[in-house]
Amino acid sequence: MRELWENRDRGVLIMANEKKSTMEPQTPSWQPGMQLFLRLSGWIGFPVLIAVVVGNYLDTLYHTDPWLFLLSVGIAFVVSTFALIHYGLKEMKRIESEYPDKRN
C-alpha cells in the first residue's frame, strides 16, 4: 500500500511505503524560467559593464576620448549577441527534447 502526502510549507513531496519513506524535493515552477532570465540578463549586463570600465580606462590612458570606449562597448554588444543566440538555441533544444509531443 502506497500513500502520498504533500507538505506545501516546505515544498517537498513525501512518499511513504510500508517499509520506508523518502523525501524528494520539488523545484518551484517559476525557478527554471527565472534561472534562464538571470543567465541571459547577465550576458547582456556584465560584458557591457566591463566594456564601459575598460573603455574609459583606455581612453584616459591613450587620450582617444570616446573612440576606444565606443569600440569596447561595440565589441561587448557583439559578444553579448552571440552569447544570447548560443544559450537561447541551447535552451530551445533542451525544451524540445524534454517535451517532444508539444512541438508547434
N, C-alpha and C. Protein backbone atom coordinates (compact mmCIF):
# COMPACT_ATOMS: atom_id res chain seq x y z
N MET A 1 0.84 -1.17 0.00
CA MET A 1 0.00 0.00 0.00
C MET A 1 0.89 1.25 0.00
N ARG A 2 0.58 2.18 -0.86
CA ARG A 2 1.41 3.37 -1.00
C ARG A 2 0.55 4.62 -0.78
N GLU A 3 1.08 5.54 0.00
CA GLU A 3 0.36 6.78 0.28
C GLU A 3 1.22 7.96 -0.15
N LEU A 4 0.56 9.08 -0.44
CA LEU A 4 1.26 10.26 -0.93
C LEU A 4 0.79 11.47 -0.15
N TRP A 5 1.76 12.20 0.42
CA TRP A 5 1.43 13.43 1.16
C TRP A 5 2.21 14.58 0.55
N GLU A 6 1.58 15.74 0.53
CA GLU A 6 2.27 16.94 0.09
C GLU A 6 2.39 17.88 1.27
N ASN A 7 3.57 18.37 1.50
CA ASN A 7 3.78 19.36 2.53
C ASN A 7 4.11 20.66 1.82
N ARG A 8 3.11 21.52 1.65
CA ARG A 8 3.28 22.74 0.86
C ARG A 8 4.14 23.78 1.55
N ASP A 9 4.22 23.74 2.87
CA ASP A 9 5.04 24.73 3.58
C ASP A 9 6.51 24.55 3.26
N ARG A 10 6.95 23.32 3.14
CA ARG A 10 8.36 23.06 2.87
C ARG A 10 8.63 22.80 1.40
N GLY A 11 7.61 22.63 0.58
CA GLY A 11 7.80 22.38 -0.84
C GLY A 11 8.39 21.03 -1.14
N VAL A 12 8.07 20.02 -0.34
CA VAL A 12 8.60 18.68 -0.57
C VAL A 12 7.46 17.71 -0.77
N LEU A 13 7.76 16.65 -1.41
CA LEU A 13 6.82 15.58 -1.65
C LEU A 13 7.26 14.38 -0.83
N ILE A 14 6.37 13.89 0.01
CA ILE A 14 6.71 12.77 0.87
C ILE A 14 5.96 11.54 0.37
N MET A 15 6.70 10.52 0.00
CA MET A 15 6.09 9.27 -0.44
C MET A 15 6.41 8.22 0.61
N ALA A 16 5.37 7.65 1.16
CA ALA A 16 5.58 6.67 2.23
C ALA A 16 5.13 5.30 1.75
N ASN A 17 5.94 4.33 2.04
CA ASN A 17 5.62 2.95 1.78
C ASN A 17 5.58 2.25 3.14
N GLU A 18 5.12 1.05 3.18
CA GLU A 18 5.06 0.35 4.46
C GLU A 18 6.45 0.14 5.05
N LYS A 19 7.46 -0.02 4.20
CA LYS A 19 8.80 -0.32 4.69
C LYS A 19 9.65 0.94 4.88
N LYS A 20 9.54 1.93 3.99
CA LYS A 20 10.42 3.09 4.07
C LYS A 20 9.70 4.33 3.57
N SER A 21 10.23 5.47 3.94
CA SER A 21 9.69 6.73 3.44
C SER A 21 10.85 7.55 2.87
N THR A 22 10.59 8.20 1.75
CA THR A 22 11.61 9.03 1.12
C THR A 22 11.05 10.43 0.91
N MET A 23 11.93 11.39 0.93
CA MET A 23 11.53 12.77 0.68
C MET A 23 12.23 13.23 -0.59
N GLU A 24 11.46 13.72 -1.55
CA GLU A 24 12.01 14.21 -2.80
C GLU A 24 11.69 15.70 -2.91
N PRO A 25 12.69 16.55 -2.97
CA PRO A 25 12.40 17.98 -3.09
C PRO A 25 11.84 18.30 -4.47
N GLN A 26 10.91 19.23 -4.51
CA GLN A 26 10.33 19.65 -5.78
C GLN A 26 10.77 21.07 -6.07
N THR A 27 11.17 21.33 -7.30
CA THR A 27 11.54 22.69 -7.66
C THR A 27 10.28 23.46 -8.00
N PRO A 28 10.21 24.72 -7.58
CA PRO A 28 9.05 25.54 -7.93
C PRO A 28 8.95 25.72 -9.44
N SER A 29 7.75 25.93 -9.93
CA SER A 29 7.54 26.01 -11.38
C SER A 29 8.19 27.25 -11.99
N TRP A 30 8.41 28.29 -11.21
CA TRP A 30 8.99 29.52 -11.73
C TRP A 30 10.51 29.48 -11.77
N GLN A 31 11.14 28.53 -11.12
CA GLN A 31 12.60 28.54 -10.97
C GLN A 31 13.36 28.38 -12.29
N PRO A 32 13.02 27.46 -13.19
CA PRO A 32 13.78 27.36 -14.44
C PRO A 32 13.69 28.62 -15.30
N GLY A 33 12.51 29.23 -15.33
CA GLY A 33 12.36 30.47 -16.10
C GLY A 33 13.19 31.60 -15.53
N MET A 34 13.22 31.70 -14.20
CA MET A 34 14.00 32.75 -13.55
C MET A 34 15.50 32.53 -13.76
N GLN A 35 15.92 31.27 -13.73
CA GLN A 35 17.34 30.98 -13.98
C GLN A 35 17.74 31.37 -15.39
N LEU A 36 16.89 31.06 -16.36
CA LEU A 36 17.18 31.43 -17.74
C LEU A 36 17.21 32.94 -17.90
N PHE A 37 16.26 33.63 -17.29
CA PHE A 37 16.22 35.09 -17.36
C PHE A 37 17.48 35.71 -16.78
N LEU A 38 17.91 35.23 -15.62
CA LEU A 38 19.11 35.78 -14.98
C LEU A 38 20.37 35.47 -15.79
N ARG A 39 20.44 34.28 -16.35
CA ARG A 39 21.60 33.90 -17.16
C ARG A 39 21.71 34.79 -18.41
N LEU A 40 20.58 34.98 -19.10
CA LEU A 40 20.62 35.80 -20.30
C LEU A 40 20.82 37.27 -19.98
N SER A 41 20.23 37.74 -18.89
CA SER A 41 20.43 39.14 -18.48
C SER A 41 21.89 39.38 -18.10
N GLY A 42 22.50 38.40 -17.48
CA GLY A 42 23.92 38.53 -17.15
C GLY A 42 24.78 38.65 -18.38
N TRP A 43 24.41 37.94 -19.45
CA TRP A 43 25.18 38.04 -20.69
C TRP A 43 24.97 39.37 -21.39
N ILE A 44 23.94 40.10 -21.02
CA ILE A 44 23.77 41.45 -21.56
C ILE A 44 24.52 42.46 -20.69
N GLY A 45 24.35 42.35 -19.38
CA GLY A 45 24.86 43.36 -18.46
C GLY A 45 26.35 43.32 -18.20
N PHE A 46 26.88 42.16 -17.88
CA PHE A 46 28.29 42.07 -17.46
C PHE A 46 29.28 42.45 -18.57
N PRO A 47 29.14 41.97 -19.79
CA PRO A 47 30.10 42.41 -20.82
C PRO A 47 30.05 43.92 -21.07
N VAL A 48 28.84 44.50 -21.01
CA VAL A 48 28.73 45.94 -21.23
C VAL A 48 29.37 46.71 -20.08
N LEU A 49 29.14 46.28 -18.85
CA LEU A 49 29.76 46.96 -17.71
C LEU A 49 31.28 46.87 -17.76
N ILE A 50 31.79 45.70 -18.09
CA ILE A 50 33.24 45.54 -18.21
C ILE A 50 33.78 46.42 -19.34
N ALA A 51 33.04 46.48 -20.45
CA ALA A 51 33.48 47.30 -21.58
C ALA A 51 33.48 48.79 -21.23
N VAL A 52 32.52 49.23 -20.44
CA VAL A 52 32.49 50.64 -20.03
C VAL A 52 33.72 50.98 -19.19
N VAL A 53 34.04 50.12 -18.24
CA VAL A 53 35.20 50.37 -17.38
C VAL A 53 36.50 50.31 -18.19
N VAL A 54 36.65 49.28 -19.00
CA VAL A 54 37.87 49.12 -19.79
C VAL A 54 37.98 50.25 -20.83
N GLY A 55 36.87 50.60 -21.46
CA GLY A 55 36.89 51.67 -22.46
C GLY A 55 37.26 53.01 -21.87
N ASN A 56 36.72 53.33 -20.70
CA ASN A 56 37.10 54.59 -20.03
C ASN A 56 38.57 54.59 -19.66
N TYR A 57 39.06 53.48 -19.15
CA TYR A 57 40.47 53.39 -18.77
C TYR A 57 41.38 53.57 -19.99
N LEU A 58 41.05 52.89 -21.09
CA LEU A 58 41.88 53.00 -22.29
C LEU A 58 41.83 54.41 -22.88
N ASP A 59 40.66 55.06 -22.83
CA ASP A 59 40.55 56.42 -23.33
C ASP A 59 41.39 57.40 -22.52
N THR A 60 41.40 57.24 -21.21
CA THR A 60 42.23 58.13 -20.39
C THR A 60 43.71 57.80 -20.56
N LEU A 61 44.03 56.55 -20.79
CA LEU A 61 45.43 56.15 -20.93
C LEU A 61 46.03 56.65 -22.25
N TYR A 62 45.27 56.50 -23.34
CA TYR A 62 45.78 56.85 -24.67
C TYR A 62 45.24 58.17 -25.22
N HIS A 63 44.42 58.88 -24.45
CA HIS A 63 43.85 60.18 -24.85
C HIS A 63 43.11 60.07 -26.18
N THR A 64 42.28 59.07 -26.30
CA THR A 64 41.49 58.85 -27.52
C THR A 64 40.01 58.97 -27.21
N ASP A 65 39.69 59.99 -26.45
CA ASP A 65 38.31 60.16 -25.96
C ASP A 65 37.30 59.96 -27.05
N PRO A 66 36.33 59.45 -27.12
CA PRO A 66 35.38 58.37 -26.95
C PRO A 66 35.64 57.14 -27.81
N TRP A 67 36.72 57.12 -28.62
CA TRP A 67 36.82 56.06 -29.63
C TRP A 67 37.08 54.68 -29.05
N LEU A 68 37.99 54.53 -28.14
CA LEU A 68 38.22 53.20 -27.55
C LEU A 68 37.05 52.78 -26.66
N PHE A 69 36.41 53.76 -26.04
CA PHE A 69 35.20 53.47 -25.26
C PHE A 69 34.11 52.90 -26.16
N LEU A 70 33.86 53.59 -27.27
CA LEU A 70 32.83 53.12 -28.20
C LEU A 70 33.19 51.77 -28.82
N LEU A 71 34.46 51.59 -29.13
CA LEU A 71 34.91 50.31 -29.68
C LEU A 71 34.70 49.17 -28.69
N SER A 72 35.07 49.40 -27.43
CA SER A 72 34.92 48.33 -26.43
C SER A 72 33.44 48.02 -26.16
N VAL A 73 32.59 49.04 -26.14
CA VAL A 73 31.16 48.79 -25.93
C VAL A 73 30.57 48.06 -27.15
N GLY A 74 31.01 48.41 -28.34
CA GLY A 74 30.55 47.71 -29.55
C GLY A 74 30.95 46.24 -29.53
N ILE A 75 32.19 45.97 -29.13
CA ILE A 75 32.64 44.58 -29.03
C ILE A 75 31.83 43.83 -27.97
N ALA A 76 31.52 44.51 -26.87
CA ALA A 76 30.72 43.87 -25.81
C ALA A 76 29.32 43.52 -26.32
N PHE A 77 28.73 44.40 -27.13
CA PHE A 77 27.41 44.09 -27.68
C PHE A 77 27.47 42.90 -28.64
N VAL A 78 28.52 42.81 -29.42
CA VAL A 78 28.67 41.66 -30.33
C VAL A 78 28.83 40.37 -29.53
N VAL A 79 29.66 40.41 -28.50
CA VAL A 79 29.85 39.23 -27.64
C VAL A 79 28.53 38.84 -26.98
N SER A 80 27.80 39.84 -26.48
CA SER A 80 26.51 39.57 -25.83
C SER A 80 25.52 38.96 -26.80
N THR A 81 25.49 39.48 -28.01
CA THR A 81 24.55 38.95 -29.01
C THR A 81 24.84 37.50 -29.34
N PHE A 82 26.11 37.17 -29.57
CA PHE A 82 26.45 35.78 -29.87
C PHE A 82 26.19 34.86 -28.68
N ALA A 83 26.45 35.33 -27.47
CA ALA A 83 26.18 34.52 -26.28
C ALA A 83 24.68 34.29 -26.10
N LEU A 84 23.87 35.32 -26.35
CA LEU A 84 22.42 35.16 -26.24
C LEU A 84 21.89 34.17 -27.27
N ILE A 85 22.39 34.25 -28.48
CA ILE A 85 21.97 33.31 -29.52
C ILE A 85 22.38 31.89 -29.14
N HIS A 86 23.61 31.73 -28.68
CA HIS A 86 24.11 30.40 -28.30
C HIS A 86 23.27 29.79 -27.18
N TYR A 87 23.08 30.52 -26.09
CA TYR A 87 22.33 29.97 -24.96
C TYR A 87 20.83 29.86 -25.27
N GLY A 88 20.31 30.74 -26.10
CA GLY A 88 18.91 30.63 -26.50
C GLY A 88 18.65 29.36 -27.31
N LEU A 89 19.51 29.09 -28.28
CA LEU A 89 19.37 27.87 -29.08
C LEU A 89 19.57 26.61 -28.23
N LYS A 90 20.52 26.68 -27.32
CA LYS A 90 20.77 25.54 -26.43
C LYS A 90 19.55 25.26 -25.56
N GLU A 91 18.93 26.31 -25.04
CA GLU A 91 17.74 26.14 -24.20
C GLU A 91 16.55 25.64 -25.02
N MET A 92 16.40 26.12 -26.25
CA MET A 92 15.31 25.65 -27.10
C MET A 92 15.47 24.16 -27.42
N LYS A 93 16.70 23.72 -27.68
CA LYS A 93 16.93 22.29 -27.93
C LYS A 93 16.61 21.46 -26.70
N ARG A 94 16.97 21.98 -25.52
CA ARG A 94 16.68 21.26 -24.28
C ARG A 94 15.17 21.14 -24.07
N ILE A 95 14.43 22.20 -24.33
CA ILE A 95 12.98 22.18 -24.15
C ILE A 95 12.34 21.24 -25.17
N GLU A 96 12.82 21.27 -26.42
CA GLU A 96 12.26 20.38 -27.44
C GLU A 96 12.52 18.92 -27.11
N SER A 97 13.68 18.60 -26.53
CA SER A 97 13.95 17.21 -26.17
C SER A 97 13.17 16.81 -24.93
N GLU A 98 12.86 17.77 -24.07
CA GLU A 98 12.11 17.47 -22.86
C GLU A 98 10.62 17.27 -23.15
N TYR A 99 10.09 18.03 -24.11
CA TYR A 99 8.68 17.95 -24.47
C TYR A 99 8.54 17.70 -25.97
N PRO A 100 8.82 16.50 -26.45
CA PRO A 100 8.78 16.26 -27.89
C PRO A 100 7.37 16.28 -28.48
N ASP A 101 6.35 16.00 -27.67
CA ASP A 101 4.99 15.95 -28.18
C ASP A 101 4.35 17.33 -28.27
N LYS A 102 4.94 18.36 -27.69
CA LYS A 102 4.35 19.69 -27.70
C LYS A 102 5.04 20.61 -28.69
N ARG A 103 5.44 20.08 -29.79
CA ARG A 103 6.11 20.88 -30.81
C ARG A 103 5.06 21.64 -31.61
N ASN A 104 5.34 22.92 -31.87
CA ASN A 104 4.42 23.83 -32.56
C ASN A 104 3.34 24.20 -31.65
